[in-house]
PDB file of N, CA and C in Angstrom:
ATOM      1  N   UNK A   1     124.788 134.556 139.828  1.00  0.00           N
ATOM      2  CA  UNK A   1     123.653 133.996 139.050  1.00  0.00           C
ATOM      3  C   UNK A   1     123.773 132.743 138.550  1.00  0.00           C
ATOM      4  N   UNK A   2     122.394 131.753 138.850  1.00  0.00           N
ATOM      5  CA  UNK A   2     122.553 130.462 138.540  1.00  0.00           C
ATOM      6  C   UNK A   2     122.809 130.385 137.070  1.00  0.00           C
ATOM      7  N   UNK A   3     123.394 128.398 137.206  1.00  0.00           N
ATOM      8  CA  UNK A   3     123.778 127.789 135.786  1.00  0.00           C
ATOM      9  C   UNK A   3     122.755 127.239 135.279  1.00  0.00           C
ATOM     10  N   UNK A   4     122.134 127.060 134.206  1.00  0.00           N
ATOM     11  CA  UNK A   4     120.880 126.907 134.389  1.00  0.00           C
ATOM     12  C   UNK A   4     120.931 125.525 133.628  1.00  0.00           C
ATOM     13  N   UNK A   5     120.204 124.433 134.374  1.00  0.00           N
ATOM     14  CA  UNK A   5     119.900 123.006 134.366  1.00  0.00           C
ATOM     15  C   UNK A   5     120.449 122.371 132.350  1.00  0.00           C
ATOM     16  N   UNK A   6     121.347 121.582 132.512  1.00  0.00           N
ATOM     17  CA  UNK A   6     121.063 121.160 130.807  1.00  0.00           C
ATOM     18  C   UNK A   6     119.723 120.406 130.383  1.00  0.00           C
ATOM     19  N   UNK A   7     119.201 119.948 130.924  1.00  0.00           N
ATOM     20  CA  UNK A   7     117.876 119.669 131.006  1.00  0.00           C
ATOM     21  C   UNK A   7     117.083 120.025 130.241  1.00  0.00           C
ATOM     22  N   UNK A   8     117.242 120.999 131.020  1.00  0.00           N
ATOM     23  CA  UNK A   8     116.169 122.445 130.622  1.00  0.00           C
ATOM     24  C   UNK A   8     116.277 123.133 129.082  1.00  0.00           C
ATOM     25  N   UNK A   9     117.656 123.366 129.007  1.00  0.00           N
ATOM     26  CA  UNK A   9     117.768 123.443 127.661  1.00  0.00           C
ATOM     27  C   UNK A   9     117.846 122.565 126.856  1.00  0.00           C
ATOM     28  N   UNK A  10     118.041 121.716 126.816  1.00  0.00           N
ATOM     29  CA  UNK A  10     117.721 120.482 125.830  1.00  0.00           C
ATOM     30  C   UNK A  10     115.973 120.571 125.851  1.00  0.00           C
ATOM     31  N   UNK A  11     115.585 120.644 126.921  1.00  0.00           N
ATOM     32  CA  UNK A  11     113.407 120.515 126.457  1.00  0.00           C
ATOM     33  C   UNK A  11     113.530 121.721 125.649  1.00  0.00           C
ATOM     34  N   UNK A  12     114.140 122.768 125.736  1.00  0.00           N
ATOM     35  CA  UNK A  12     113.776 124.424 124.946  1.00  0.00           C
ATOM     36  C   UNK A  12     114.238 124.005 123.621  1.00  0.00           C
ATOM     37  N   UNK A  13     115.350 123.213 123.563  1.00  0.00           N
ATOM     38  CA  UNK A  13     115.897 122.906 122.390  1.00  0.00           C
ATOM     39  C   UNK A  13     114.729 121.826 121.452  1.00  0.00           C
ATOM     40  N   UNK A  14     114.330 120.890 122.047  1.00  0.00           N
ATOM     41  CA  UNK A  14     113.145 119.617 121.602  1.00  0.00           C
ATOM     42  C   UNK A  14     111.723 120.370 121.070  1.00  0.00           C
ATOM     43  N   UNK A  15     111.443 121.170 121.942  1.00  0.00           N
ATOM     44  CA  UNK A  15     110.343 122.401 121.589  1.00  0.00           C
ATOM     45  C   UNK A  15     110.340 123.388 120.406  1.00  0.00           C
ATOM     46  N   UNK A  16     111.806 123.888 120.648  1.00  0.00           N
ATOM     47  CA  UNK A  16     111.654 124.802 119.257  1.00  0.00           C
ATOM     48  C   UNK A  16     111.719 123.712 118.060  1.00  0.00           C
ATOM     49  N   UNK A  17     112.404 122.626 118.045  1.00  0.00           N
ATOM     50  CA  UNK A  17     112.658 121.942 117.290  1.00  0.00           C
ATOM     51  C   UNK A  17     111.054 121.244 116.660  1.00  0.00           C
ATOM     52  N   UNK A  18     110.205 121.060 117.334  1.00  0.00           N
ATOM     53  CA  UNK A  18     108.771 120.780 117.108  1.00  0.00           C
ATOM     54  C   UNK A  18     108.010 121.779 116.483  1.00  0.00           C
ATOM     55  N   UNK A  19     108.456 122.850 116.954  1.00  0.00           N
ATOM     56  CA  UNK A  19     107.668 123.573 116.531  1.00  0.00           C
ATOM     57  C   UNK A  19     108.168 124.598 115.081  1.00  0.00           C
ATOM     58  N   UNK A  20     109.185 124.637 114.960  1.00  0.00           N
ATOM     59  CA  UNK A  20     109.787 124.362 113.433  1.00  0.00           C
ATOM     60  C   UNK A  20     109.747 123.495 112.554  1.00  0.00           C
ATOM     61  N   UNK A  21     109.860 122.369 112.704  1.00  0.00           N
ATOM     62  CA  UNK A  21     109.335 121.124 111.879  1.00  0.00           C
ATOM     63  C   UNK A  21     108.165 121.269 111.971  1.00  0.00           C
ATOM     64  N   UNK A  22     107.034 121.384 112.642  1.00  0.00           N
ATOM     65  CA  UNK A  22     105.777 121.411 112.109  1.00  0.00           C
ATOM     66  C   UNK A  22     105.490 122.520 111.286  1.00  0.00           C
ATOM     67  N   UNK A  23     106.216 123.718 110.980  1.00  0.00           N
ATOM     68  CA  UNK A  23     105.594 125.032 110.499  1.00  0.00           C
ATOM     69  C   UNK A  23     106.366 124.222 109.086  1.00  0.00           C
ATOM     70  N   UNK A  24     107.647 124.077 109.010  1.00  0.00           N
ATOM     71  CA  UNK A  24     108.490 123.718 107.348  1.00  0.00           C
ATOM     72  C   UNK A  24     107.238 122.725 106.875  1.00  0.00           C
ATOM     73  N   UNK A  25     107.116 121.454 107.420  1.00  0.00           N
ATOM     74  CA  UNK A  25     106.151 120.556 106.773  1.00  0.00           C
ATOM     75  C   UNK A  25     104.961 121.137 106.526  1.00  0.00           C
ATOM     76  N   UNK A  26     104.212 121.680 107.143  1.00  0.00           N
ATOM     77  CA  UNK A  26     102.480 122.330 106.494  1.00  0.00           C
ATOM     78  C   UNK A  26     102.965 123.469 105.595  1.00  0.00           C
ATOM     79  N   UNK A  27     104.152 124.245 104.961  1.00  0.00           N
ATOM     80  CA  UNK A  27     104.396 124.747 104.308  1.00  0.00           C
ATOM     81  C   UNK A  27     104.748 124.671 102.691  1.00  0.00           C
ATOM     82  N   UNK A  28     105.187 123.125 102.897  1.00  0.00           N
ATOM     83  CA  UNK A  28     105.644 122.840 101.760  1.00  0.00           C
ATOM     84  C   UNK A  28     103.868 122.445 100.628  1.00  0.00           C
ATOM     85  N   UNK A  29     104.409 122.720  98.661  1.00  0.00           N
ATOM     86  CA  UNK A  29     103.441 122.451  98.474  1.00  0.00           C
ATOM     87  C   UNK A  29     103.155 121.204  98.587  1.00  0.00           C
ATOM     88  N   UNK A  30     102.104 120.436  98.165  1.00  0.00           N
ATOM     89  CA  UNK A  30     102.144 119.191  97.434  1.00  0.00           C
ATOM     90  C   UNK A  30     103.025 118.381  96.560  1.00  0.00           C
ATOM     91  N   UNK A  31     103.362 118.845  95.596  1.00  0.00           N
ATOM     92  CA  UNK A  31     104.352 118.685  93.936  1.00  0.00           C
ATOM     93  C   UNK A  31     105.547 118.589  94.861  1.00  0.00           C
ATOM     94  N   UNK A  32     105.869 118.886  96.398  1.00  0.00           N
ATOM     95  CA  UNK A  32     107.502 118.648  96.338  1.00  0.00           C
ATOM     96  C   UNK A  32     107.813 117.855  97.638  1.00  0.00           C
ATOM     97  N   UNK A  33     106.596 117.160  97.802  1.00  0.00           N
ATOM     98  CA  UNK A  33     106.306 115.992  98.887  1.00  0.00           C
ATOM     99  C   UNK A  33     107.293 114.985  98.638  1.00  0.00           C
ATOM    100  N   UNK A  34     107.069 114.596  97.188  1.00  0.00           N
ATOM    101  CA  UNK A  34     107.564 113.091  96.833  1.00  0.00           C
ATOM    102  C   UNK A  34     108.910 113.191  96.732  1.00  0.00           C
ATOM    103  N   UNK A  35     109.698 114.425  95.950  1.00  0.00           N
ATOM    104  CA  UNK A  35     111.315 114.749  96.032  1.00  0.00           C
ATOM    105  C   UNK A  35     111.547 114.749  97.566  1.00  0.00           C
ATOM    106  N   UNK A  36     111.199 115.396  98.438  1.00  0.00           N
ATOM    107  CA  UNK A  36     111.268 115.940  99.570  1.00  0.00           C
ATOM    108  C   UNK A  36     111.510 114.517 100.577  1.00  0.00           C
ATOM    109  N   UNK A  37     110.550 113.865 100.577  1.00  0.00           N
ATOM    110  CA  UNK A  37     110.876 112.676 100.755  1.00  0.00           C
ATOM    111  C   UNK A  37     112.152 111.508 100.656  1.00  0.00           C
ATOM    112  N   UNK A  38     111.848 111.457  99.033  1.00  0.00           N
ATOM    113  CA  UNK A  38     113.356 110.425  98.391  1.00  0.00           C
ATOM    114  C   UNK A  38     114.653 111.078  98.929  1.00  0.00           C
ATOM    115  N   UNK A  39     114.659 112.296  99.077  1.00  0.00           N
ATOM    116  CA  UNK A  39     115.962 112.510  99.645  1.00  0.00           C
ATOM    117  C   UNK A  39     116.100 112.346 101.578  1.00  0.00           C
ATOM    118  N   UNK A  40     114.896 112.527 101.573  1.00  0.00           N
ATOM    119  CA  UNK A  40     114.838 112.297 103.345  1.00  0.00           C
ATOM    120  C   UNK A  40     115.367 110.905 103.687  1.00  0.00           C
ATOM    121  N   UNK A  41     114.950 109.918 103.038  1.00  0.00           N
ATOM    122  CA  UNK A  41     114.942 108.031 102.699  1.00  0.00           C
ATOM    123  C   UNK A  41     116.597 108.340 102.595  1.00  0.00           C
ATOM    124  N   UNK A  42     117.295 108.917 101.510  1.00  0.00           N
ATOM    125  CA  UNK A  42     118.949 108.652 101.136  1.00  0.00           C
ATOM    126  C   UNK A  42     119.622 109.117 102.287  1.00  0.00           C
ATOM    127  N   UNK A  43     118.721 110.359 103.055  1.00  0.00           N
ATOM    128  CA  UNK A  43     120.194 110.846 104.182  1.00  0.00           C
ATOM    129  C   UNK A  43     119.871 109.400 105.577  1.00  0.00           C
ATOM    130  N   UNK A  44     118.488 109.287 105.456  1.00  0.00           N
ATOM    131  CA  UNK A  44     118.051 108.727 106.268  1.00  0.00           C
ATOM    132  C   UNK A  44     118.933 106.955 106.480  1.00  0.00           C
ATOM    133  N   UNK A  45     119.682 106.543 105.375  1.00  0.00           N
ATOM    134  CA  UNK A  45     120.434 105.251 105.150  1.00  0.00           C
ATOM    135  C   UNK A  45     121.849 105.985 105.242  1.00  0.00           C
ATOM    136  N   UNK A  46     122.681 107.015 106.081  1.00  0.00           N
ATOM    137  CA  UNK A  46     123.620 107.378 106.709  1.00  0.00           C
ATOM    138  C   UNK A  46     123.672 106.858 108.063  1.00  0.00           C
ATOM    139  N   UNK A  47     122.286 106.828 108.731  1.00  0.00           N
ATOM    140  CA  UNK A  47     121.593 106.486 109.630  1.00  0.00           C
ATOM    141  C   UNK A  47     122.211 104.830 109.949  1.00  0.00           C
ATOM    142  N   UNK A  48     122.396 103.925 108.847  1.00  0.00           N
ATOM    143  CA  UNK A  48     122.884 102.600 108.844  1.00  0.00           C
ATOM    144  C   UNK A  48     124.357 102.362 109.176  1.00  0.00           C
ATOM    145  N   UNK A  49     124.702 103.442 108.338  1.00  0.00           N
ATOM    146  CA  UNK A  49     126.276 103.546 108.835  1.00  0.00           C
ATOM    147  C   UNK A  49     126.970 103.883 109.818  1.00  0.00           C
ATOM    148  N   UNK A  50     126.205 105.019 110.390  1.00  0.00           N
ATOM    149  CA  UNK A  50     126.374 105.154 111.770  1.00  0.00           C
ATOM    150  C   UNK A  50     125.815 103.637 112.826  1.00  0.00           C
ATOM    151  N   UNK A  51     125.081 103.343 112.657  1.00  0.00           N
ATOM    152  CA  UNK A  51     124.279 102.508 113.653  1.00  0.00           C
ATOM    153  C   UNK A  51     125.538 101.079 113.483  1.00  0.00           C
ATOM    154  N   UNK A  52     126.263 100.778 112.384  1.00  0.00           N
ATOM    155  CA  UNK A  52     126.897  99.445 111.858  1.00  0.00           C
ATOM    156  C   UNK A  52     128.394 100.196 112.529  1.00  0.00           C
ATOM    157  N   UNK A  53     128.545 101.245 112.535  1.00  0.00           N
ATOM    158  CA  UNK A  53     130.236 101.876 112.936  1.00  0.00           C
ATOM    159  C   UNK A  53     130.026 101.771 114.582  1.00  0.00           C
ATOM    160  N   UNK A  54     128.567 102.199 115.259  1.00  0.00           N
ATOM    161  CA  UNK A  54     128.387 101.650 116.724  1.00  0.00           C
ATOM    162  C   UNK A  54     128.553 100.449 117.327  1.00  0.00           C
ATOM    163  N   UNK A  55     127.452  99.650 115.955  1.00  0.00           N
ATOM    164  CA  UNK A  55     127.796  98.225 116.737  1.00  0.00           C
ATOM    165  C   UNK A  55     129.373  97.690 116.834  1.00  0.00           C
ATOM    166  N   UNK A  56     129.813  98.290 115.651  1.00  0.00           N
ATOM    167  CA  UNK A  56     130.933  97.396 115.290  1.00  0.00           C
ATOM    168  C   UNK A  56     131.892  97.669 116.670  1.00  0.00           C
ATOM    169  N   UNK A  57     132.069  99.214 117.582  1.00  0.00           N
ATOM    170  CA  UNK A  57     133.476  99.491 118.254  1.00  0.00           C
ATOM    171  C   UNK A  57     132.588  99.629 119.858  1.00  0.00           C
ATOM    172  N   UNK A  58     131.297  98.842 119.573  1.00  0.00           N
ATOM    173  CA  UNK A  58     131.242  98.219 121.024  1.00  0.00           C
ATOM    174  C   UNK A  58     131.866  97.356 121.762  1.00  0.00           C
ATOM    175  N   UNK A  59     131.937  96.945 123.017  1.00  0.00           N
ATOM    176  CA  UNK A  59     132.969  95.237 123.572  1.00  0.00           C
ATOM    177  C   UNK A  59     131.552  94.407 124.628  1.00  0.00           C
ATOM    178  N   UNK A  60     130.195  94.949 124.570  1.00  0.00           N
ATOM    179  CA  UNK A  60     129.684  94.185 125.784  1.00  0.00           C
ATOM    180  C   UNK A  60     128.770  93.480 124.666  1.00  0.00           C
ATOM    181  N   UNK A  61     128.182  92.425 125.025  1.00  0.00           N
ATOM    182  CA  UNK A  61     126.971  91.201 124.221  1.00  0.00           C
ATOM    183  C   UNK A  61     125.340  92.251 123.798  1.00  0.00           C
ATOM    184  N   UNK A  62     125.209  93.070 124.713  1.00  0.00           N
ATOM    185  CA  UNK A  62     124.167  94.035 125.206  1.00  0.00           C
ATOM    186  C   UNK A  62     124.507  95.246 123.837  1.00  0.00           C
ATOM    187  N   UNK A  63     125.518  95.930 124.431  1.00  0.00           N
ATOM    188  CA  UNK A  63     125.532  96.626 123.438  1.00  0.00           C
ATOM    189  C   UNK A  63     125.440  96.112 121.929  1.00  0.00           C
ATOM    190  N   UNK A  64     126.473  95.310 121.631  1.00  0.00           N
ATOM    191  CA  UNK A  64     126.485  94.645 119.924  1.00  0.00           C
ATOM    192  C   UNK A  64     124.855  94.687 119.412  1.00  0.00           C
ATOM    193  N   UNK A  65     124.402  93.751 120.268  1.00  0.00           N
ATOM    194  CA  UNK A  65     122.817  93.469 120.556  1.00  0.00           C
ATOM    195  C   UNK A  65     121.954  94.806 119.928  1.00  0.00           C
ATOM    196  N   UNK A  66     122.066  95.697 120.853  1.00  0.00           N
ATOM    197  CA  UNK A  66     121.594  96.682 120.141  1.00  0.00           C
ATOM    198  C   UNK A  66     122.148  97.358 119.275  1.00  0.00           C
ATOM    199  N   UNK A  67     123.012  97.241 119.088  1.00  0.00           N
ATOM    200  CA  UNK A  67     123.489  97.809 117.704  1.00  0.00           C
ATOM    201  C   UNK A  67     122.947  97.181 116.396  1.00  0.00           C
ATOM    202  N   UNK A  68     122.834  95.748 116.417  1.00  0.00           N
ATOM    203  CA  UNK A  68     122.306  94.971 115.746  1.00  0.00           C
ATOM    204  C   UNK A  68     120.673  95.605 115.339  1.00  0.00           C
ATOM    205  N   UNK A  69     120.411  95.801 116.365  1.00  0.00           N
ATOM    206  CA  UNK A  69     119.120  95.950 116.448  1.00  0.00           C
ATOM    207  C   UNK A  69     118.211  97.968 115.261  1.00  0.00           C
ATOM    208  N   UNK A  70     119.615  98.130 116.086  1.00  0.00           N
ATOM    209  CA  UNK A  70     119.841  99.737 115.421  1.00  0.00           C
ATOM    210  C   UNK A  70     119.605  99.681 113.710  1.00  0.00           C
ATOM    211  N   UNK A  71     120.579  99.010 113.564  1.00  0.00           N
ATOM    212  CA  UNK A  71     121.031  98.483 112.143  1.00  0.00           C
ATOM    213  C   UNK A  71     119.462  98.109 111.600  1.00  0.00           C
ATOM    214  N   UNK A  72     119.230  97.056 111.829  1.00  0.00           N
ATOM    215  CA  UNK A  72     117.711  96.664 111.916  1.00  0.00           C
ATOM    216  C   UNK A  72     116.875  97.295 111.575  1.00  0.00           C
ATOM    217  N   UNK A  73     116.445  98.422 112.354  1.00  0.00           N
ATOM    218  CA  UNK A  73     115.410  99.429 112.345  1.00  0.00           C
ATOM    219  C   UNK A  73     115.765 100.439 111.305  1.00  0.00           C
ATOM    220  N   UNK A  74     116.713 100.995 111.356  1.00  0.00           N
ATOM    221  CA  UNK A  74     117.395 101.935 110.322  1.00  0.00           C
ATOM    222  C   UNK A  74     117.047 101.207 108.878  1.00  0.00           C
ATOM    223  N   UNK A  75     117.522 100.120 108.528  1.00  0.00           N
ATOM    224  CA  UNK A  75     117.221  99.696 107.243  1.00  0.00           C
ATOM    225  C   UNK A  75     115.810  99.177 107.164  1.00  0.00           C
ATOM    226  N   UNK A  76     114.998  98.880 107.949  1.00  0.00           N
ATOM    227  CA  UNK A  76     113.698  98.696 107.896  1.00  0.00           C
ATOM    228  C   UNK A  76     112.840 100.541 107.198  1.00  0.00           C
ATOM    229  N   UNK A  77     113.489 101.160 108.058  1.00  0.00           N
ATOM    230  CA  UNK A  77     112.624 103.078 107.707  1.00  0.00           C
ATOM    231  C   UNK A  77     113.649 103.536 106.788  1.00  0.00           C
ATOM    232  N   UNK A  78     114.746 102.946 105.855  1.00  0.00           N
ATOM    233  CA  UNK A  78     115.126 103.338 104.718  1.00  0.00           C
ATOM    234  C   UNK A  78     114.377 102.747 103.343  1.00  0.00           C
ATOM    235  N   UNK A  79     114.169 101.263 103.653  1.00  0.00           N
ATOM    236  CA  UNK A  79     113.818 100.922 102.352  1.00  0.00           C
ATOM    237  C   UNK A  79     111.842 100.698 102.392  1.00  0.00           C
ATOM    238  N   UNK A  80     111.243 100.655 103.745  1.00  0.00           N
ATOM    239  CA  UNK A  80     110.364 101.394 103.836  1.00  0.00           C
ATOM    240  C   UNK A  80     109.826 102.570 102.976  1.00  0.00           C
ATOM    241  N   UNK A  81     110.580 103.906 103.602  1.00  0.00           N
ATOM    242  CA  UNK A  81     110.547 104.782 103.364  1.00  0.00           C
ATOM    243  C   UNK A  81     110.772 104.605 101.374  1.00  0.00           C
ATOM    244  N   UNK A  82     111.527 104.268 100.850  1.00  0.00           N
ATOM    245  CA  UNK A  82     111.655 103.958  99.397  1.00  0.00           C
ATOM    246  C   UNK A  82     110.171 103.055  98.528  1.00  0.00           C
ATOM    247  N   UNK A  83     110.010 101.884  99.368  1.00  0.00           N
ATOM    248  CA  UNK A  83     108.475 102.089  98.760  1.00  0.00           C
ATOM    249  C   UNK A  83     107.134 102.617  98.687  1.00  0.00           C
ATOM    250  N   UNK A  84     107.366 103.567  99.766  1.00  0.00           N
ATOM    251  CA  UNK A  84     106.042 104.873  99.599  1.00  0.00           C
ATOM    252  C   UNK A  84     106.727 105.222  98.733  1.00  0.00           C
ATOM    253  N   UNK A  85     107.667 106.253  98.810  1.00  0.00           N
ATOM    254  CA  UNK A  85     108.050 107.028  97.650  1.00  0.00           C
ATOM    255  C   UNK A  85     107.963 106.274  96.315  1.00  0.00           C
ATOM    256  N   UNK A  86     108.240 105.121  96.208  1.00  0.00           N
ATOM    257  CA  UNK A  86     107.994 104.737  94.647  1.00  0.00           C
ATOM    258  C   UNK A  86     106.313 104.464  94.503  1.00  0.00           C
ATOM    259  N   UNK A  87     105.508 104.522  95.548  1.00  0.00           N
ATOM    260  CA  UNK A  87     103.762 104.365  95.188  1.00  0.00           C
ATOM    261  C   UNK A  87     103.544 105.417  95.406  1.00  0.00           C
ATOM    262  N   UNK A  88     103.871 106.553  95.744  1.00  0.00           N
ATOM    263  CA  UNK A  88     103.741 107.916  95.596  1.00  0.00           C
ATOM    264  C   UNK A  88     104.195 108.264  93.706  1.00  0.00           C
ATOM    265  N   UNK A  89     105.163 107.776  93.462  1.00  0.00           N
ATOM    266  CA  UNK A  89     105.543 107.894  92.196  1.00  0.00           C
ATOM    267  C   UNK A  89     104.565 107.440  90.942  1.00  0.00           C
ATOM    268  N   UNK A  90     103.863 106.517  91.378  1.00  0.00           N
ATOM    269  CA  UNK A  90     102.887 105.579  90.423  1.00  0.00           C
ATOM    270  C   UNK A  90     101.915 106.488  90.873  1.00  0.00           C
ATOM    271  N   UNK A  91     101.152 107.308  91.480  1.00  0.00           N
ATOM    272  CA  UNK A  91     100.309 107.927  91.344  1.00  0.00           C
ATOM    273  C   UNK A  91      99.899 109.127  90.124  1.00  0.00           C
ATOM    274  N   UNK A  92     101.758 109.578  90.294  1.00  0.00           N
ATOM    275  CA  UNK A  92     101.832 110.545  88.881  1.00  0.00           C
ATOM    276  C   UNK A  92     101.677 110.019  87.831  1.00  0.00           C
ATOM    277  N   UNK A  93     101.761 108.900  87.294  1.00  0.00           N
ATOM    278  CA  UNK A  93     101.925 108.025  85.810  1.00  0.00           C
ATOM    279  C   UNK A  93     100.356 108.036  85.614  1.00  0.00           C
ATOM    280  N   UNK A  94     100.545 108.623  83.916  1.00  0.00           N
ATOM    281  CA  UNK A  94      99.500 108.569  83.267  1.00  0.00           C
ATOM    282  C   UNK A  94      98.825 107.195  83.110  1.00  0.00           C
ATOM    283  N   UNK A  95      97.198 107.225  83.501  1.00  0.00           N
ATOM    284  CA  UNK A  95      96.717 105.665  82.958  1.00  0.00           C
ATOM    285  C   UNK A  95      96.523 105.658  81.963  1.00  0.00           C
ATOM    286  N   UNK A  96      96.582 104.933  81.492  1.00  0.00           N
ATOM    287  CA  UNK A  96      95.799 104.122  79.961  1.00  0.00           C
ATOM    288  C   UNK A  96      94.337 104.177  79.972  1.00  0.00           C
ATOM    289  N   UNK A  97      93.843 104.830  78.792  1.00  0.00           N
ATOM    290  CA  UNK A  97      92.356 104.907  78.638  1.00  0.00           C
ATOM    291  C   UNK A  97      91.826 103.196  78.386  1.00  0.00           C
ATOM    292  N   UNK A  98      91.055 102.581  78.515  1.00  0.00           N
ATOM    293  CA  UNK A  98      90.645 101.540  78.169  1.00  0.00           C
ATOM    294  C   UNK A  98      89.682 101.822  77.035  1.00  0.00           C
ATOM    295  N   UNK A  99      90.073 100.709  76.201  1.00  0.00           N
ATOM    296  CA  UNK A  99      88.767 101.372  74.817  1.00  0.00           C
ATOM    297  C   UNK A  99      87.602 100.649  75.322  1.00  0.00           C
ATOM    298  N   UNK A 100      86.052 100.946  75.232  1.00  0.00           N
ATOM    299  CA  UNK A 100      85.323  99.971  75.593  1.00  0.00           C
ATOM    300  C   UNK A 100      85.112 100.054  73.930  1.00  0.00           C
ATOM    301  N   UNK A 101      84.738  98.628  73.740  1.00  0.00           N
ATOM    302  CA  UNK A 101      83.903  98.676  72.158  1.00  0.00           C
ATOM    303  C   UNK A 101      82.555  97.778  72.506  1.00  0.00           C
ATOM    304  N   UNK A 102      81.985  98.234  71.758  1.00  0.00           N
ATOM    305  CA  UNK A 102      80.438  97.765  71.695  1.00  0.00           C
ATOM    306  C   UNK A 102      80.200  95.899  70.413  1.00  0.00           C
ATOM    307  N   UNK A 103      79.704  95.368  70.675  1.00  0.00           N
ATOM    308  CA  UNK A 103      79.630  94.366  69.880  1.00  0.00           C
ATOM    309  C   UNK A 103      78.166  94.397  69.444  1.00  0.00           C
ATOM    310  N   UNK A 104      78.111  93.982  68.162  1.00  0.00           N
ATOM    311  CA  UNK A 104      76.317  93.958  67.453  1.00  0.00           C
ATOM    312  C   UNK A 104      76.097  92.809  67.937  1.00  0.00           C
ATOM    313  N   UNK A 105      74.805  92.194  68.192  1.00  0.00           N
ATOM    314  CA  UNK A 105      74.081  91.468  68.813  1.00  0.00           C
ATOM    315  C   UNK A 105      73.643  90.731  67.479  1.00  0.00           C
ATOM    316  N   UNK A 106      73.364  89.487  67.436  1.00  0.00           N
ATOM    317  CA  UNK A 106      72.840  88.975  66.411  1.00  0.00           C
ATOM    318  C   UNK A 106      71.631  88.309  66.619  1.00  0.00           C
TER     319      UNK A 106
END
């Protein structure tokens, strides 16, 4: 029996992850999108820590540069995600009704 190439196994896992992710995202009710996005942003902050560790443990200048780039991109992702979440939460706030007054003409 022949051993299956690791590339094929990784491709199968990738396709299955896309399929499962698609169905999980589309079955979430709209009321849960904001809390899930906030939690995802918090989890994504862990990527910054990993990128800093990876950048600190490298020895070549190219690897250090790539580590700094990874930290910058992860920070943009996290902060941008929190800004979008804040805007989404503002949509749920009740707006104050404007009082319309009629002025009598003289």
